[in-house]
N, C-alpha and C. Protein backbone atom coordinates (compact mmCIF):
# COMPACT_ATOMS: atom_id res chain seq x y z
N MET A 1 -40.00 -48.65 -65.63
CA MET A 1 -40.76 -47.41 -65.73
C MET A 1 -41.54 -47.34 -67.04
N GLN A 2 -40.86 -47.69 -68.16
CA GLN A 2 -41.50 -47.69 -69.48
C GLN A 2 -42.69 -48.65 -69.48
N ARG A 3 -42.49 -49.82 -68.87
CA ARG A 3 -43.56 -50.83 -68.83
C ARG A 3 -44.74 -50.33 -68.01
N ASN A 4 -44.43 -49.67 -66.90
CA ASN A 4 -45.47 -49.09 -66.06
C ASN A 4 -46.31 -48.09 -66.85
N THR A 5 -45.64 -47.23 -67.62
CA THR A 5 -46.33 -46.22 -68.43
C THR A 5 -47.20 -46.88 -69.48
N GLN A 6 -46.69 -47.92 -70.12
CA GLN A 6 -47.48 -48.64 -71.14
C GLN A 6 -48.72 -49.27 -70.51
N THR A 7 -48.56 -49.85 -69.33
CA THR A 7 -49.70 -50.46 -68.63
C THR A 7 -50.73 -49.40 -68.28
N GLN A 8 -50.24 -48.27 -67.77
CA GLN A 8 -51.16 -47.17 -67.41
C GLN A 8 -51.91 -46.68 -68.64
N ASP A 9 -51.21 -46.57 -69.76
CA ASP A 9 -51.86 -46.14 -71.01
C ASP A 9 -52.93 -47.13 -71.45
N LYS A 10 -52.63 -48.41 -71.35
CA LYS A 10 -53.62 -49.43 -71.73
C LYS A 10 -54.85 -49.34 -70.84
N ILE A 11 -54.63 -49.18 -69.54
CA ILE A 11 -55.76 -49.08 -68.59
C ILE A 11 -56.59 -47.84 -68.89
N LYS A 12 -55.91 -46.74 -69.14
CA LYS A 12 -56.61 -45.48 -69.42
C LYS A 12 -57.45 -45.58 -70.70
N LYS A 13 -56.88 -46.14 -71.75
CA LYS A 13 -57.62 -46.31 -73.02
C LYS A 13 -58.82 -47.22 -72.82
N ALA A 14 -58.63 -48.29 -72.07
CA ALA A 14 -59.73 -49.22 -71.79
C ALA A 14 -60.82 -48.53 -70.98
N PHE A 15 -60.42 -47.76 -69.98
CA PHE A 15 -61.37 -47.04 -69.13
C PHE A 15 -62.21 -46.08 -69.97
N ILE A 16 -61.56 -45.30 -70.82
CA ILE A 16 -62.28 -44.33 -71.66
C ILE A 16 -63.26 -45.04 -72.60
N LYS A 17 -62.78 -46.09 -73.26
CA LYS A 17 -63.63 -46.85 -74.19
C LYS A 17 -64.84 -47.43 -73.48
N LEU A 18 -64.63 -48.02 -72.33
CA LEU A 18 -65.71 -48.66 -71.59
C LEU A 18 -66.67 -47.64 -70.96
N MET A 19 -66.15 -46.50 -70.55
CA MET A 19 -67.02 -45.45 -70.00
C MET A 19 -67.99 -44.98 -71.07
N LYS A 20 -67.49 -44.86 -72.30
CA LYS A 20 -68.37 -44.44 -73.41
C LYS A 20 -69.42 -45.49 -73.70
N ALA A 21 -69.04 -46.75 -73.60
CA ALA A 21 -69.95 -47.85 -73.95
C ALA A 21 -70.92 -48.21 -72.83
N LYS A 22 -70.43 -48.20 -71.57
CA LYS A 22 -71.22 -48.74 -70.46
C LYS A 22 -71.55 -47.75 -69.36
N GLY A 23 -70.73 -46.72 -69.20
CA GLY A 23 -70.88 -45.84 -68.05
C GLY A 23 -70.18 -46.45 -66.84
N PHE A 24 -70.00 -45.67 -65.81
CA PHE A 24 -69.20 -46.10 -64.66
C PHE A 24 -69.89 -47.19 -63.83
N GLU A 25 -71.17 -47.07 -63.62
CA GLU A 25 -71.87 -48.01 -62.74
C GLU A 25 -71.78 -49.45 -63.24
N LEU A 26 -71.87 -49.65 -64.54
CA LEU A 26 -71.83 -51.01 -65.11
C LEU A 26 -70.42 -51.51 -65.38
N LEU A 27 -69.46 -50.63 -65.26
CA LEU A 27 -68.06 -50.96 -65.52
C LEU A 27 -67.51 -51.87 -64.42
N THR A 28 -66.75 -52.90 -64.81
CA THR A 28 -66.11 -53.78 -63.84
C THR A 28 -64.61 -53.84 -64.09
N VAL A 29 -63.88 -54.26 -63.07
CA VAL A 29 -62.43 -54.44 -63.21
C VAL A 29 -62.15 -55.48 -64.29
N SER A 30 -62.97 -56.50 -64.34
CA SER A 30 -62.82 -57.54 -65.36
C SER A 30 -62.95 -56.96 -66.76
N ASP A 31 -63.92 -56.05 -66.96
CA ASP A 31 -64.07 -55.36 -68.25
C ASP A 31 -62.79 -54.63 -68.61
N ILE A 32 -62.24 -53.92 -67.64
CA ILE A 32 -61.03 -53.11 -67.89
C ILE A 32 -59.85 -54.00 -68.24
N THR A 33 -59.65 -55.06 -67.47
CA THR A 33 -58.49 -55.93 -67.72
C THR A 33 -58.62 -56.64 -69.07
N THR A 34 -59.83 -57.02 -69.44
CA THR A 34 -60.05 -57.66 -70.74
C THR A 34 -59.76 -56.68 -71.87
N ALA A 35 -60.31 -55.48 -71.77
CA ALA A 35 -60.13 -54.47 -72.81
C ALA A 35 -58.67 -54.01 -72.91
N ALA A 36 -58.00 -53.94 -71.75
CA ALA A 36 -56.60 -53.49 -71.73
C ALA A 36 -55.62 -54.62 -72.05
N LYS A 37 -56.14 -55.85 -72.08
CA LYS A 37 -55.31 -57.04 -72.33
C LYS A 37 -54.19 -57.17 -71.29
N ILE A 38 -54.63 -57.03 -70.04
CA ILE A 38 -53.71 -57.24 -68.90
C ILE A 38 -54.39 -58.19 -67.94
N ASN A 39 -53.62 -58.78 -67.03
CA ASN A 39 -54.28 -59.64 -66.04
C ASN A 39 -54.70 -58.83 -64.82
N ARG A 40 -55.57 -59.43 -64.03
CA ARG A 40 -56.14 -58.72 -62.88
C ARG A 40 -55.06 -58.31 -61.88
N SER A 41 -54.07 -59.15 -61.69
CA SER A 41 -53.01 -58.82 -60.72
C SER A 41 -52.25 -57.56 -61.16
N THR A 42 -52.11 -57.36 -62.46
CA THR A 42 -51.46 -56.15 -62.96
C THR A 42 -52.31 -54.92 -62.63
N PHE A 43 -53.61 -55.05 -62.84
CA PHE A 43 -54.51 -53.94 -62.49
C PHE A 43 -54.40 -53.63 -61.00
N TYR A 44 -54.49 -54.68 -60.17
CA TYR A 44 -54.48 -54.47 -58.71
C TYR A 44 -53.12 -54.03 -58.19
N ALA A 45 -52.08 -54.16 -58.97
CA ALA A 45 -50.77 -53.62 -58.58
C ALA A 45 -50.79 -52.09 -58.65
N HIS A 46 -51.74 -51.53 -59.42
CA HIS A 46 -51.83 -50.08 -59.60
C HIS A 46 -53.01 -49.46 -58.84
N TYR A 47 -54.12 -50.18 -58.77
CA TYR A 47 -55.36 -49.63 -58.21
C TYR A 47 -56.04 -50.65 -57.31
N ASP A 48 -56.76 -50.15 -56.30
CA ASP A 48 -57.50 -51.02 -55.39
C ASP A 48 -58.75 -51.60 -56.05
N ASP A 49 -59.43 -50.74 -56.82
CA ASP A 49 -60.68 -51.14 -57.49
C ASP A 49 -61.03 -50.05 -58.50
N LYS A 50 -62.20 -50.14 -59.10
CA LYS A 50 -62.58 -49.16 -60.13
C LYS A 50 -62.78 -47.77 -59.52
N TYR A 51 -63.17 -47.72 -58.26
CA TYR A 51 -63.38 -46.43 -57.59
C TYR A 51 -62.04 -45.72 -57.36
N ASP A 52 -61.03 -46.50 -57.01
CA ASP A 52 -59.68 -45.95 -56.84
C ASP A 52 -59.15 -45.44 -58.19
N LEU A 53 -59.40 -46.18 -59.25
CA LEU A 53 -59.00 -45.77 -60.59
C LEU A 53 -59.66 -44.44 -60.96
N LEU A 54 -60.97 -44.36 -60.75
CA LEU A 54 -61.70 -43.12 -61.03
C LEU A 54 -61.14 -41.97 -60.22
N GLN A 55 -60.91 -42.19 -58.95
CA GLN A 55 -60.38 -41.14 -58.08
C GLN A 55 -59.00 -40.66 -58.56
N CYS A 56 -58.16 -41.59 -58.98
CA CYS A 56 -56.83 -41.23 -59.49
C CYS A 56 -56.94 -40.34 -60.73
N TYR A 57 -57.85 -40.70 -61.64
CA TYR A 57 -58.03 -39.89 -62.85
C TYR A 57 -58.58 -38.51 -62.51
N GLU A 58 -59.58 -38.48 -61.63
CA GLU A 58 -60.17 -37.19 -61.23
C GLU A 58 -59.11 -36.30 -60.59
N GLU A 59 -58.36 -36.86 -59.63
CA GLU A 59 -57.35 -36.08 -58.92
C GLU A 59 -56.26 -35.59 -59.87
N SER A 60 -55.86 -36.42 -60.80
CA SER A 60 -54.83 -36.04 -61.76
C SER A 60 -55.28 -34.85 -62.60
N VAL A 61 -56.50 -34.92 -63.13
CA VAL A 61 -57.03 -33.84 -63.96
C VAL A 61 -57.19 -32.56 -63.14
N LEU A 62 -57.79 -32.67 -61.97
CA LEU A 62 -58.04 -31.49 -61.15
C LEU A 62 -56.74 -30.85 -60.68
N LYS A 63 -55.77 -31.67 -60.31
CA LYS A 63 -54.47 -31.16 -59.86
C LYS A 63 -53.76 -30.44 -61.01
N SER A 64 -53.75 -31.06 -62.18
CA SER A 64 -53.07 -30.46 -63.34
C SER A 64 -53.75 -29.16 -63.76
N LEU A 65 -55.07 -29.18 -63.80
CA LEU A 65 -55.81 -27.97 -64.18
C LEU A 65 -55.62 -26.87 -63.15
N GLY A 66 -55.71 -27.22 -61.87
CA GLY A 66 -55.49 -26.25 -60.80
C GLY A 66 -54.09 -25.67 -60.84
N GLN A 67 -53.10 -26.53 -61.07
CA GLN A 67 -51.71 -26.07 -61.14
C GLN A 67 -51.49 -25.15 -62.33
N THR A 68 -52.11 -25.50 -63.46
CA THR A 68 -52.02 -24.65 -64.65
C THR A 68 -52.55 -23.26 -64.35
N LEU A 69 -53.68 -23.19 -63.67
CA LEU A 69 -54.26 -21.90 -63.32
C LEU A 69 -53.40 -21.15 -62.31
N ASN A 70 -52.97 -21.85 -61.26
CA ASN A 70 -52.17 -21.19 -60.23
C ASN A 70 -50.87 -20.63 -60.78
N ASP A 71 -50.28 -21.34 -61.73
CA ASP A 71 -49.03 -20.88 -62.32
C ASP A 71 -49.22 -19.70 -63.27
N ASN A 72 -50.45 -19.47 -63.69
CA ASN A 72 -50.67 -18.47 -64.73
C ASN A 72 -51.69 -17.39 -64.41
N LEU A 73 -52.27 -17.42 -63.21
CA LEU A 73 -53.20 -16.36 -62.85
C LEU A 73 -52.42 -15.13 -62.46
N ASP A 74 -52.46 -14.14 -63.30
CA ASP A 74 -51.79 -12.87 -63.04
C ASP A 74 -52.87 -11.87 -62.67
N THR A 75 -53.08 -11.69 -61.37
CA THR A 75 -54.17 -10.83 -60.92
C THR A 75 -53.92 -9.35 -61.22
N SER A 76 -52.72 -9.02 -61.66
CA SER A 76 -52.45 -7.62 -62.01
C SER A 76 -52.95 -7.30 -63.43
N ASN A 77 -53.31 -8.33 -64.19
CA ASN A 77 -53.74 -8.12 -65.57
C ASN A 77 -55.12 -8.72 -65.79
N LYS A 78 -56.13 -8.16 -65.13
CA LYS A 78 -57.47 -8.72 -65.20
C LYS A 78 -58.18 -8.44 -66.51
N ASP A 79 -57.62 -7.54 -67.32
CA ASP A 79 -58.26 -7.21 -68.59
C ASP A 79 -57.96 -8.24 -69.67
N ASN A 80 -57.04 -9.15 -69.39
CA ASN A 80 -56.66 -10.10 -70.42
C ASN A 80 -56.87 -11.53 -69.96
N ALA A 81 -58.09 -12.01 -70.11
CA ALA A 81 -58.42 -13.38 -69.70
C ALA A 81 -58.08 -14.40 -70.77
N TYR A 82 -57.83 -13.95 -72.00
CA TYR A 82 -57.54 -14.90 -73.08
C TYR A 82 -56.47 -15.92 -72.72
N PRO A 83 -55.32 -15.49 -72.18
CA PRO A 83 -54.29 -16.49 -71.87
C PRO A 83 -54.77 -17.54 -70.88
N VAL A 84 -55.53 -17.14 -69.87
CA VAL A 84 -56.00 -18.09 -68.86
C VAL A 84 -56.99 -19.07 -69.48
N ILE A 85 -57.96 -18.55 -70.20
CA ILE A 85 -58.96 -19.42 -70.85
C ILE A 85 -58.26 -20.32 -71.86
N ARG A 86 -57.31 -19.78 -72.60
CA ARG A 86 -56.58 -20.58 -73.58
C ARG A 86 -55.84 -21.73 -72.90
N LEU A 87 -55.22 -21.46 -71.75
CA LEU A 87 -54.50 -22.52 -71.01
C LEU A 87 -55.46 -23.60 -70.53
N VAL A 88 -56.63 -23.19 -70.07
CA VAL A 88 -57.65 -24.16 -69.63
C VAL A 88 -58.05 -25.05 -70.80
N ILE A 89 -58.34 -24.43 -71.93
CA ILE A 89 -58.74 -25.18 -73.12
C ILE A 89 -57.60 -26.05 -73.63
N ASP A 90 -56.37 -25.54 -73.60
CA ASP A 90 -55.20 -26.34 -74.00
C ASP A 90 -55.12 -27.61 -73.16
N TYR A 91 -55.29 -27.46 -71.85
CA TYR A 91 -55.20 -28.63 -70.98
C TYR A 91 -56.36 -29.59 -71.26
N ILE A 92 -57.56 -29.06 -71.38
CA ILE A 92 -58.72 -29.92 -71.64
C ILE A 92 -58.52 -30.67 -72.96
N GLU A 93 -58.00 -29.99 -73.97
CA GLU A 93 -57.77 -30.66 -75.25
C GLU A 93 -56.73 -31.78 -75.11
N SER A 94 -55.73 -31.57 -74.27
CA SER A 94 -54.68 -32.60 -74.10
C SER A 94 -55.22 -33.87 -73.44
N GLU A 95 -56.30 -33.74 -72.71
CA GLU A 95 -56.94 -34.89 -72.05
C GLU A 95 -58.41 -34.97 -72.47
N PHE A 96 -58.68 -34.61 -73.71
CA PHE A 96 -60.05 -34.46 -74.21
C PHE A 96 -60.94 -35.66 -73.90
N GLU A 97 -60.52 -36.85 -74.31
CA GLU A 97 -61.37 -38.04 -74.17
C GLU A 97 -61.56 -38.42 -72.70
N LEU A 98 -60.52 -38.29 -71.90
CA LEU A 98 -60.65 -38.61 -70.47
C LEU A 98 -61.60 -37.64 -69.79
N ILE A 99 -61.40 -36.35 -70.02
CA ILE A 99 -62.28 -35.35 -69.38
C ILE A 99 -63.71 -35.51 -69.87
N LYS A 100 -63.87 -35.85 -71.13
CA LYS A 100 -65.21 -36.06 -71.69
C LYS A 100 -65.96 -37.14 -70.91
N VAL A 101 -65.31 -38.26 -70.61
CA VAL A 101 -66.00 -39.32 -69.88
C VAL A 101 -66.12 -38.99 -68.39
N LEU A 102 -65.14 -38.28 -67.85
CA LEU A 102 -65.22 -37.89 -66.44
C LEU A 102 -66.37 -36.92 -66.20
N MET A 103 -66.69 -36.11 -67.20
CA MET A 103 -67.78 -35.14 -67.07
C MET A 103 -69.14 -35.83 -66.90
N THR A 104 -69.21 -37.12 -67.17
CA THR A 104 -70.46 -37.85 -66.95
C THR A 104 -70.66 -38.18 -65.48
N ILE A 105 -69.63 -37.96 -64.67
CA ILE A 105 -69.70 -38.21 -63.22
C ILE A 105 -70.04 -36.88 -62.55
N GLY A 106 -71.20 -36.82 -61.91
CA GLY A 106 -71.67 -35.57 -61.30
C GLY A 106 -70.70 -34.94 -60.32
N SER A 107 -70.05 -35.75 -59.50
CA SER A 107 -69.12 -35.19 -58.51
C SER A 107 -67.92 -34.54 -59.17
N PHE A 108 -67.47 -35.08 -60.28
CA PHE A 108 -66.34 -34.51 -61.00
C PHE A 108 -66.73 -33.16 -61.61
N GLU A 109 -67.90 -33.13 -62.22
CA GLU A 109 -68.39 -31.88 -62.82
C GLU A 109 -68.44 -30.77 -61.77
N LYS A 110 -68.88 -31.11 -60.58
CA LYS A 110 -68.97 -30.13 -59.49
C LYS A 110 -67.58 -29.61 -59.12
N LYS A 111 -66.59 -30.48 -59.12
CA LYS A 111 -65.22 -30.08 -58.78
C LYS A 111 -64.63 -29.18 -59.87
N ILE A 112 -64.90 -29.51 -61.13
CA ILE A 112 -64.43 -28.66 -62.23
C ILE A 112 -65.07 -27.28 -62.12
N LYS A 113 -66.33 -27.27 -61.78
CA LYS A 113 -67.03 -25.99 -61.63
C LYS A 113 -66.36 -25.15 -60.54
N GLY A 114 -65.88 -25.79 -59.49
CA GLY A 114 -65.16 -25.09 -58.43
C GLY A 114 -63.89 -24.43 -58.95
N ILE A 115 -63.20 -25.11 -59.85
CA ILE A 115 -62.00 -24.53 -60.45
C ILE A 115 -62.37 -23.34 -61.33
N PHE A 116 -63.47 -23.46 -62.08
CA PHE A 116 -63.92 -22.33 -62.90
C PHE A 116 -64.31 -21.14 -62.02
N ARG A 117 -64.82 -21.44 -60.85
CA ARG A 117 -65.17 -20.35 -59.91
C ARG A 117 -63.91 -19.55 -59.55
N GLN A 118 -62.77 -20.23 -59.45
CA GLN A 118 -61.51 -19.53 -59.16
C GLN A 118 -61.18 -18.54 -60.27
N ILE A 119 -61.46 -18.92 -61.50
CA ILE A 119 -61.22 -18.01 -62.62
C ILE A 119 -62.05 -16.74 -62.43
N VAL A 120 -63.31 -16.93 -62.08
CA VAL A 120 -64.21 -15.79 -61.87
C VAL A 120 -63.75 -14.99 -60.65
N ASP A 121 -63.39 -15.67 -59.56
CA ASP A 121 -62.95 -14.99 -58.34
C ASP A 121 -61.71 -14.13 -58.57
N ASN A 122 -60.88 -14.53 -59.52
CA ASN A 122 -59.66 -13.77 -59.79
C ASN A 122 -59.88 -12.64 -60.79
N GLY A 123 -61.14 -12.40 -61.14
CA GLY A 123 -61.44 -11.27 -61.99
C GLY A 123 -61.45 -11.56 -63.47
N PHE A 124 -61.15 -12.79 -63.85
CA PHE A 124 -61.21 -13.14 -65.25
C PHE A 124 -62.65 -13.52 -65.57
N TYR A 125 -63.01 -13.36 -66.81
CA TYR A 125 -64.35 -13.69 -67.28
C TYR A 125 -65.40 -12.68 -66.82
N LEU A 126 -64.93 -11.54 -66.29
CA LEU A 126 -65.87 -10.50 -65.87
C LEU A 126 -65.81 -9.33 -66.85
N ASP A 127 -66.91 -8.60 -66.94
CA ASP A 127 -66.96 -7.45 -67.82
C ASP A 127 -66.06 -6.35 -67.27
N LYS A 128 -65.20 -5.80 -68.12
CA LYS A 128 -64.23 -4.80 -67.69
C LYS A 128 -64.92 -3.50 -67.27
N GLY A 129 -64.72 -3.10 -66.04
CA GLY A 129 -65.12 -1.78 -65.57
C GLY A 129 -66.60 -1.47 -65.62
N ASN A 130 -67.45 -2.45 -65.79
CA ASN A 130 -68.88 -2.18 -65.85
C ASN A 130 -69.48 -2.38 -64.47
N THR A 131 -69.71 -1.27 -63.77
CA THR A 131 -70.25 -1.37 -62.41
C THR A 131 -71.72 -0.96 -62.35
N LYS A 132 -72.30 -0.55 -63.47
CA LYS A 132 -73.67 -0.04 -63.42
C LYS A 132 -74.69 -1.13 -63.07
N ASN A 133 -74.35 -2.39 -63.33
CA ASN A 133 -75.30 -3.46 -63.04
C ASN A 133 -75.00 -4.22 -61.75
N VAL A 134 -74.01 -3.74 -60.99
CA VAL A 134 -73.66 -4.39 -59.73
C VAL A 134 -74.88 -4.35 -58.82
N ASP A 135 -75.13 -5.45 -58.16
CA ASP A 135 -76.25 -5.61 -57.21
C ASP A 135 -77.63 -5.66 -57.85
N VAL A 136 -77.70 -5.75 -59.19
CA VAL A 136 -79.00 -5.92 -59.84
C VAL A 136 -79.55 -7.28 -59.48
N ILE A 137 -78.69 -8.29 -59.46
CA ILE A 137 -79.08 -9.60 -58.96
C ILE A 137 -78.08 -9.99 -57.86
N PRO A 138 -78.49 -10.86 -56.93
CA PRO A 138 -77.57 -11.25 -55.86
C PRO A 138 -76.29 -11.87 -56.41
N LYS A 139 -75.19 -11.61 -55.71
CA LYS A 139 -73.87 -12.04 -56.17
C LYS A 139 -73.78 -13.55 -56.37
N ASP A 140 -74.42 -14.34 -55.48
CA ASP A 140 -74.34 -15.80 -55.63
C ASP A 140 -75.00 -16.26 -56.92
N TYR A 141 -76.08 -15.59 -57.33
CA TYR A 141 -76.72 -15.92 -58.61
C TYR A 141 -75.82 -15.53 -59.78
N ALA A 142 -75.18 -14.37 -59.67
CA ALA A 142 -74.29 -13.92 -60.74
C ALA A 142 -73.15 -14.91 -60.93
N TYR A 143 -72.53 -15.36 -59.83
CA TYR A 143 -71.45 -16.33 -59.93
C TYR A 143 -71.94 -17.65 -60.51
N GLU A 144 -73.13 -18.07 -60.11
CA GLU A 144 -73.69 -19.32 -60.63
C GLU A 144 -73.93 -19.23 -62.13
N ILE A 145 -74.46 -18.12 -62.57
CA ILE A 145 -74.73 -17.93 -64.01
C ILE A 145 -73.43 -17.95 -64.80
N ILE A 146 -72.42 -17.25 -64.31
CA ILE A 146 -71.16 -17.15 -65.04
C ILE A 146 -70.44 -18.50 -65.08
N THR A 147 -70.30 -19.16 -63.92
CA THR A 147 -69.57 -20.44 -63.89
C THR A 147 -70.34 -21.53 -64.63
N SER A 148 -71.66 -21.52 -64.52
CA SER A 148 -72.45 -22.51 -65.24
C SER A 148 -72.34 -22.33 -66.75
N ALA A 149 -72.33 -21.08 -67.19
CA ALA A 149 -72.19 -20.81 -68.63
C ALA A 149 -70.84 -21.31 -69.14
N LEU A 150 -69.78 -21.06 -68.38
CA LEU A 150 -68.45 -21.52 -68.78
C LEU A 150 -68.40 -23.04 -68.82
N LEU A 151 -68.90 -23.68 -67.76
CA LEU A 151 -68.91 -25.14 -67.69
C LEU A 151 -69.76 -25.75 -68.81
N ASP A 152 -70.95 -25.20 -69.00
CA ASP A 152 -71.85 -25.76 -70.02
C ASP A 152 -71.29 -25.59 -71.43
N THR A 153 -70.60 -24.49 -71.68
CA THR A 153 -69.99 -24.29 -72.99
C THR A 153 -68.91 -25.34 -73.24
N ILE A 154 -68.10 -25.59 -72.23
CA ILE A 154 -67.04 -26.59 -72.37
C ILE A 154 -67.63 -27.99 -72.48
N LYS A 155 -68.66 -28.29 -71.70
CA LYS A 155 -69.32 -29.60 -71.79
C LYS A 155 -69.90 -29.80 -73.19
N TYR A 156 -70.50 -28.77 -73.74
CA TYR A 156 -71.08 -28.88 -75.07
C TYR A 156 -69.99 -29.14 -76.11
N TRP A 157 -68.88 -28.43 -75.96
CA TRP A 157 -67.73 -28.62 -76.85
C TRP A 157 -67.22 -30.06 -76.76
N LEU A 158 -67.11 -30.59 -75.54
CA LEU A 158 -66.65 -31.97 -75.34
C LEU A 158 -67.62 -32.98 -75.95
N SER A 159 -68.90 -32.65 -75.97
CA SER A 159 -69.91 -33.62 -76.42
C SER A 159 -70.04 -33.71 -77.94
N LYS A 160 -69.48 -32.75 -78.65
CA LYS A 160 -69.66 -32.72 -80.11
C LYS A 160 -68.84 -33.81 -80.81
N SER A 161 -69.42 -34.37 -81.86
CA SER A 161 -68.68 -35.37 -82.62
C SER A 161 -67.55 -34.73 -83.43
N LYS A 162 -67.74 -33.48 -83.83
CA LYS A 162 -66.69 -32.73 -84.52
C LYS A 162 -66.52 -31.39 -83.80
N PRO A 163 -65.80 -31.40 -82.68
CA PRO A 163 -65.66 -30.16 -81.90
C PRO A 163 -64.84 -29.10 -82.64
N GLU A 164 -65.16 -27.84 -82.36
CA GLU A 164 -64.40 -26.73 -82.94
C GLU A 164 -62.95 -26.80 -82.44
N SER A 165 -62.07 -26.11 -83.15
CA SER A 165 -60.67 -26.03 -82.73
C SER A 165 -60.59 -25.32 -81.39
N LYS A 166 -59.47 -25.53 -80.69
CA LYS A 166 -59.34 -24.87 -79.39
C LYS A 166 -59.30 -23.35 -79.55
N LYS A 167 -58.73 -22.87 -80.66
CA LYS A 167 -58.71 -21.41 -80.91
C LYS A 167 -60.13 -20.87 -81.03
N ARG A 168 -60.98 -21.60 -81.75
CA ARG A 168 -62.37 -21.17 -81.95
C ARG A 168 -63.15 -21.22 -80.64
N ILE A 169 -62.97 -22.26 -79.84
CA ILE A 169 -63.75 -22.36 -78.60
C ILE A 169 -63.31 -21.29 -77.60
N VAL A 170 -62.03 -20.96 -77.58
CA VAL A 170 -61.55 -19.86 -76.72
C VAL A 170 -62.23 -18.56 -77.17
N ASP A 171 -62.28 -18.34 -78.46
CA ASP A 171 -62.91 -17.13 -79.00
C ASP A 171 -64.39 -17.07 -78.63
N ILE A 172 -65.07 -18.19 -78.74
CA ILE A 172 -66.50 -18.25 -78.38
C ILE A 172 -66.68 -17.92 -76.90
N ILE A 173 -65.88 -18.55 -76.06
CA ILE A 173 -65.99 -18.31 -74.61
C ILE A 173 -65.73 -16.84 -74.29
N MET A 174 -64.70 -16.27 -74.88
CA MET A 174 -64.36 -14.89 -74.57
C MET A 174 -65.42 -13.91 -75.08
N LYS A 175 -66.02 -14.20 -76.22
CA LYS A 175 -67.07 -13.32 -76.73
C LYS A 175 -68.29 -13.32 -75.82
N THR A 176 -68.55 -14.45 -75.16
CA THR A 176 -69.71 -14.49 -74.27
C THR A 176 -69.52 -13.59 -73.05
N ARG A 177 -68.29 -13.17 -72.79
CA ARG A 177 -68.04 -12.26 -71.67
C ARG A 177 -68.70 -10.91 -71.89
N TYR A 178 -68.86 -10.50 -73.14
CA TYR A 178 -69.27 -9.14 -73.43
C TYR A 178 -70.60 -9.02 -74.18
N LEU A 179 -71.18 -10.15 -74.55
CA LEU A 179 -72.42 -10.11 -75.30
C LEU A 179 -73.60 -10.50 -74.43
N SER A 180 -74.69 -9.79 -74.57
CA SER A 180 -75.91 -10.14 -73.84
C SER A 180 -76.55 -11.34 -74.54
N PRO A 181 -77.48 -12.02 -73.86
CA PRO A 181 -78.19 -13.12 -74.54
C PRO A 181 -78.87 -12.66 -75.83
N TYR A 182 -79.36 -11.43 -75.87
CA TYR A 182 -79.99 -10.90 -77.09
C TYR A 182 -78.96 -10.80 -78.21
N ASP A 183 -77.74 -10.31 -77.85
CA ASP A 183 -76.68 -10.22 -78.86
C ASP A 183 -76.25 -11.60 -79.34
N LEU A 184 -76.12 -12.55 -78.40
CA LEU A 184 -75.69 -13.90 -78.76
C LEU A 184 -76.64 -14.56 -79.74
N LEU A 185 -77.93 -14.35 -79.54
CA LEU A 185 -78.94 -14.99 -80.38
C LEU A 185 -79.33 -14.15 -81.59
N GLY A 186 -78.82 -12.92 -81.67
CA GLY A 186 -79.17 -12.05 -82.78
C GLY A 186 -80.60 -11.57 -82.71
N VAL A 187 -81.11 -11.43 -81.48
CA VAL A 187 -82.50 -10.99 -81.30
C VAL A 187 -82.53 -9.47 -81.39
N ASP A 188 -83.39 -8.92 -82.24
CA ASP A 188 -83.58 -7.47 -82.29
C ASP A 188 -85.08 -7.21 -82.45
N GLU A 189 -85.51 -6.89 -83.66
CA GLU A 189 -86.94 -6.63 -83.87
C GLU A 189 -87.78 -7.90 -83.75
N GLN A 190 -87.12 -9.06 -83.70
CA GLN A 190 -87.87 -10.31 -83.58
C GLN A 190 -88.41 -10.52 -82.16
N PHE A 191 -87.85 -9.75 -81.21
CA PHE A 191 -88.29 -9.92 -79.83
C PHE A 191 -89.79 -9.68 -79.72
N GLY A 192 -90.45 -10.55 -79.07
CA GLY A 192 -91.89 -10.40 -78.90
C GLY A 192 -92.69 -11.27 -79.84
N ASN A 193 -92.03 -11.82 -80.88
CA ASN A 193 -92.75 -12.71 -81.77
C ASN A 193 -93.14 -13.97 -81.03
N ALA A 194 -94.26 -14.54 -81.42
CA ALA A 194 -94.73 -15.77 -80.76
C ALA A 194 -93.79 -16.93 -81.07
N ILE A 195 -93.65 -17.81 -80.10
CA ILE A 195 -92.83 -19.01 -80.29
C ILE A 195 -93.64 -20.00 -81.10
N LYS A 196 -93.02 -20.52 -82.16
CA LYS A 196 -93.73 -21.47 -83.03
C LYS A 196 -93.53 -22.87 -82.49
N VAL A 197 -94.63 -23.60 -82.42
CA VAL A 197 -94.60 -24.97 -81.91
C VAL A 197 -94.81 -25.94 -83.03
């Protein structure tokens, strides 16, 4: 069992390193086995090919993230999204490098966005008790804006060479729940000024 875990760790480290250097399309099993310092038969004892490896990583992340949310979504307490967002960020931080490279795969990003949609569907990440703007824009657009903002914020955090602490990124995400774009950018009397090129 210990040996299996060590082999899996070597494969995972090699996969992450090579994804950063080459991307998935150019990645080969031979690249992985060379970087992991294992033979091909060892790789094939665990995975059918690079697509199977990718699928295993995607499923593992999505299952863990989904389980984290399912275990902690308390729909009776919709006013307190901090714990849910914090748990999401905690999990992402625990698999930071893997999720960072998986986010380069369009299908994975779409699946993560689906999980973020669950957060919105359960009433988290919504403005508390503000019904005056309901139906101003169609609901599907509202959901797209909210989930895209959450996803893009996390993607940006993952992409930084020196990312903020998880406490800071949770705070940033939660503040975006209540601030308008004008508030976020500090736009006041500057509104209307010409854009400088």
